N, C-alpha and C. Protein backbone atom coordinates (compact mmCIF):
# COMPACT_ATOMS: atom_id res chain seq x y z
N MET A 1 0.85 -1.17 0.00
CA MET A 1 0.00 0.00 0.00
C MET A 1 0.90 1.23 0.00
N ALA A 2 0.52 2.24 -0.72
CA ALA A 2 1.31 3.47 -0.79
C ALA A 2 1.21 4.23 0.53
N SER A 3 2.29 4.91 0.89
CA SER A 3 2.33 5.60 2.17
C SER A 3 1.21 6.64 2.30
N GLY A 4 0.90 7.35 1.22
CA GLY A 4 -0.17 8.33 1.26
C GLY A 4 -1.52 7.68 1.53
N ASP A 5 -1.75 6.52 0.94
CA ASP A 5 -3.00 5.80 1.16
C ASP A 5 -3.11 5.32 2.61
N ILE A 6 -1.99 4.87 3.16
CA ILE A 6 -1.98 4.43 4.56
C ILE A 6 -2.30 5.63 5.46
N ALA A 7 -1.65 6.76 5.19
CA ALA A 7 -1.88 7.97 5.99
C ALA A 7 -3.34 8.39 5.93
N ASP A 8 -3.91 8.37 4.75
CA ASP A 8 -5.31 8.76 4.60
C ASP A 8 -6.24 7.81 5.36
N SER A 9 -5.91 6.52 5.33
CA SER A 9 -6.80 5.54 5.97
C SER A 9 -6.75 5.62 7.49
N VAL A 10 -5.63 6.07 8.06
CA VAL A 10 -5.55 6.18 9.52
C VAL A 10 -5.70 7.62 10.01
N GLY A 11 -5.82 8.56 9.08
CA GLY A 11 -6.12 9.94 9.44
C GLY A 11 -4.97 10.74 10.02
N ILE A 12 -3.76 10.50 9.52
CA ILE A 12 -2.64 11.33 9.96
C ILE A 12 -2.00 11.98 8.74
N PRO A 13 -1.28 13.09 8.93
CA PRO A 13 -0.64 13.75 7.80
C PRO A 13 0.34 12.83 7.09
N ARG A 14 0.41 12.98 5.78
CA ARG A 14 1.26 12.10 4.96
C ARG A 14 2.73 12.18 5.35
N HIS A 15 3.22 13.37 5.69
CA HIS A 15 4.64 13.48 6.03
C HIS A 15 4.95 12.71 7.31
N LEU A 16 4.01 12.68 8.26
CA LEU A 16 4.24 11.90 9.48
C LEU A 16 4.25 10.41 9.19
N MET A 17 3.33 9.97 8.33
CA MET A 17 3.29 8.55 7.97
C MET A 17 4.58 8.14 7.29
N SER A 18 5.08 8.97 6.40
CA SER A 18 6.33 8.65 5.72
C SER A 18 7.47 8.50 6.71
N SER A 19 7.52 9.37 7.72
CA SER A 19 8.57 9.29 8.74
C SER A 19 8.45 8.00 9.54
N HIS A 20 7.24 7.65 9.95
CA HIS A 20 7.04 6.43 10.72
C HIS A 20 7.36 5.19 9.90
N LEU A 21 6.95 5.19 8.64
CA LEU A 21 7.22 4.04 7.78
C LEU A 21 8.72 3.89 7.51
N ALA A 22 9.43 5.00 7.43
CA ALA A 22 10.88 4.92 7.24
C ALA A 22 11.54 4.24 8.44
N VAL A 23 11.08 4.56 9.65
CA VAL A 23 11.61 3.91 10.85
C VAL A 23 11.29 2.42 10.83
N LEU A 24 10.05 2.08 10.51
CA LEU A 24 9.65 0.66 10.45
C LEU A 24 10.42 -0.09 9.37
N SER A 25 10.72 0.59 8.28
CA SER A 25 11.50 -0.03 7.21
C SER A 25 12.92 -0.32 7.67
N ARG A 26 13.55 0.64 8.35
CA ARG A 26 14.91 0.43 8.87
C ARG A 26 14.93 -0.70 9.89
N ALA A 27 13.83 -0.87 10.62
CA ALA A 27 13.74 -1.94 11.62
C ALA A 27 13.40 -3.29 10.99
N GLY A 28 13.07 -3.29 9.71
CA GLY A 28 12.76 -4.54 9.02
C GLY A 28 11.32 -5.01 9.21
N VAL A 29 10.46 -4.17 9.78
CA VAL A 29 9.08 -4.55 10.02
C VAL A 29 8.25 -4.42 8.74
N VAL A 30 8.62 -3.46 7.90
CA VAL A 30 7.99 -3.31 6.59
C VAL A 30 9.08 -3.25 5.54
N THR A 31 8.71 -3.60 4.31
CA THR A 31 9.62 -3.43 3.18
C THR A 31 9.05 -2.35 2.28
N ALA A 32 9.92 -1.63 1.64
CA ALA A 32 9.51 -0.52 0.78
C ALA A 32 10.05 -0.72 -0.62
N ARG A 33 9.22 -0.35 -1.60
CA ARG A 33 9.69 -0.34 -2.98
C ARG A 33 9.09 0.88 -3.67
N LYS A 34 9.89 1.49 -4.48
CA LYS A 34 9.46 2.70 -5.18
C LYS A 34 8.76 2.30 -6.48
N THR A 35 7.60 2.89 -6.69
CA THR A 35 6.83 2.67 -7.91
C THR A 35 6.48 4.05 -8.46
N GLY A 36 7.23 4.51 -9.43
CA GLY A 36 7.04 5.88 -9.91
C GLY A 36 7.40 6.85 -8.81
N ARG A 37 6.47 7.74 -8.48
CA ARG A 37 6.71 8.70 -7.40
C ARG A 37 6.29 8.17 -6.04
N ALA A 38 5.53 7.09 -6.04
CA ALA A 38 5.02 6.54 -4.77
C ALA A 38 5.99 5.51 -4.19
N VAL A 39 5.97 5.41 -2.88
CA VAL A 39 6.69 4.33 -2.19
C VAL A 39 5.61 3.40 -1.64
N VAL A 40 5.71 2.12 -2.02
CA VAL A 40 4.72 1.13 -1.63
C VAL A 40 5.32 0.27 -0.53
N TYR A 41 4.58 0.09 0.56
CA TYR A 41 5.05 -0.64 1.72
C TYR A 41 4.30 -1.95 1.88
N SER A 42 5.02 -2.96 2.35
CA SER A 42 4.43 -4.26 2.67
C SER A 42 4.93 -4.68 4.04
N ILE A 43 4.06 -5.36 4.77
CA ILE A 43 4.43 -5.87 6.09
C ILE A 43 5.28 -7.12 5.94
N ASP A 44 6.34 -7.22 6.74
CA ASP A 44 7.10 -8.46 6.84
C ASP A 44 6.46 -9.25 7.98
N ARG A 45 5.55 -10.15 7.63
CA ARG A 45 4.75 -10.85 8.63
C ARG A 45 5.61 -11.67 9.59
N ASN A 46 6.70 -12.24 9.11
CA ASN A 46 7.60 -13.00 9.97
C ASN A 46 8.22 -12.08 11.03
N ARG A 47 8.66 -10.92 10.60
CA ARG A 47 9.29 -9.97 11.52
C ARG A 47 8.27 -9.46 12.55
N VAL A 48 7.03 -9.19 12.10
CA VAL A 48 5.98 -8.73 13.02
C VAL A 48 5.67 -9.82 14.04
N SER A 49 5.65 -11.07 13.60
CA SER A 49 5.42 -12.19 14.52
C SER A 49 6.53 -12.28 15.55
N GLN A 50 7.78 -12.13 15.11
CA GLN A 50 8.92 -12.14 16.03
C GLN A 50 8.79 -11.01 17.04
N LEU A 51 8.40 -9.84 16.56
CA LEU A 51 8.23 -8.69 17.44
C LEU A 51 7.14 -8.95 18.47
N GLY A 52 6.05 -9.56 18.05
CA GLY A 52 4.96 -9.89 18.98
C GLY A 52 5.42 -10.85 20.07
N ARG A 53 6.20 -11.86 19.68
CA ARG A 53 6.72 -12.81 20.68
C ARG A 53 7.66 -12.10 21.65
N TYR A 54 8.47 -11.20 21.14
CA TYR A 54 9.40 -10.46 21.99
C TYR A 54 8.64 -9.59 22.99
N ILE A 55 7.63 -8.88 22.52
CA ILE A 55 6.83 -8.03 23.40
C ILE A 55 6.12 -8.87 24.45
N SER A 56 5.60 -10.01 24.04
CA SER A 56 4.93 -10.90 24.98
C SER A 56 5.91 -11.38 26.06
N ALA A 57 7.12 -11.72 25.64
CA ALA A 57 8.13 -12.17 26.60
C ALA A 57 8.50 -11.05 27.57
N LEU A 58 8.56 -9.82 27.07
CA LEU A 58 8.84 -8.69 27.96
C LEU A 58 7.74 -8.54 29.00
N GLY A 59 6.50 -8.74 28.59
CA GLY A 59 5.38 -8.68 29.53
C GLY A 59 5.48 -9.78 30.58
N ASP A 60 5.90 -10.98 30.16
CA ASP A 60 6.06 -12.08 31.10
C ASP A 60 7.13 -11.76 32.13
N VAL A 61 8.23 -11.16 31.68
CA VAL A 61 9.32 -10.79 32.59
C VAL A 61 8.83 -9.72 33.56
N ALA A 62 8.12 -8.72 33.04
CA ALA A 62 7.61 -7.65 33.90
C ALA A 62 6.65 -8.21 34.93
N ASP A 63 5.78 -9.14 34.52
CA ASP A 63 4.83 -9.74 35.45
C ASP A 63 5.55 -10.52 36.56
N SER A 64 6.58 -11.26 36.20
CA SER A 64 7.29 -12.04 37.21
C SER A 64 8.10 -11.15 38.14
N ASP A 65 8.58 -10.00 37.63
CA ASP A 65 9.32 -9.07 38.47
C ASP A 65 8.41 -8.38 39.49
N THR A 66 7.15 -8.18 39.13
CA THR A 66 6.23 -7.46 40.02
C THR A 66 5.35 -8.40 40.81
N GLY A 67 5.39 -9.67 40.49
CA GLY A 67 4.56 -10.63 41.19
C GLY A 67 3.12 -10.64 40.71
N ALA A 68 2.86 -10.02 39.54
CA ALA A 68 1.51 -9.97 39.01
C ALA A 68 1.07 -11.33 38.53
N ASP A 69 -0.22 -11.54 38.50
CA ASP A 69 -0.77 -12.83 38.07
C ASP A 69 -1.24 -12.79 36.62
N GLY A 70 -0.67 -11.98 35.78
CA GLY A 70 -0.89 -11.78 34.46
C GLY A 70 -1.76 -12.13 33.49
């Protein structure tokens, strides 16, 4: 999906979406390819899954550190 289309669909300015997508691209969460003047982004589902597992593990560690029953 083009960055402008993503920005329009979530209701934020296009320049902000481009900045956020650039960060996600550097992190490997999305891939970018230029098509004419547009940059089209795709999710790296494997990387997002890894990120989800990492975040879940962080929550487990935080719960065990605080004694929460999670």
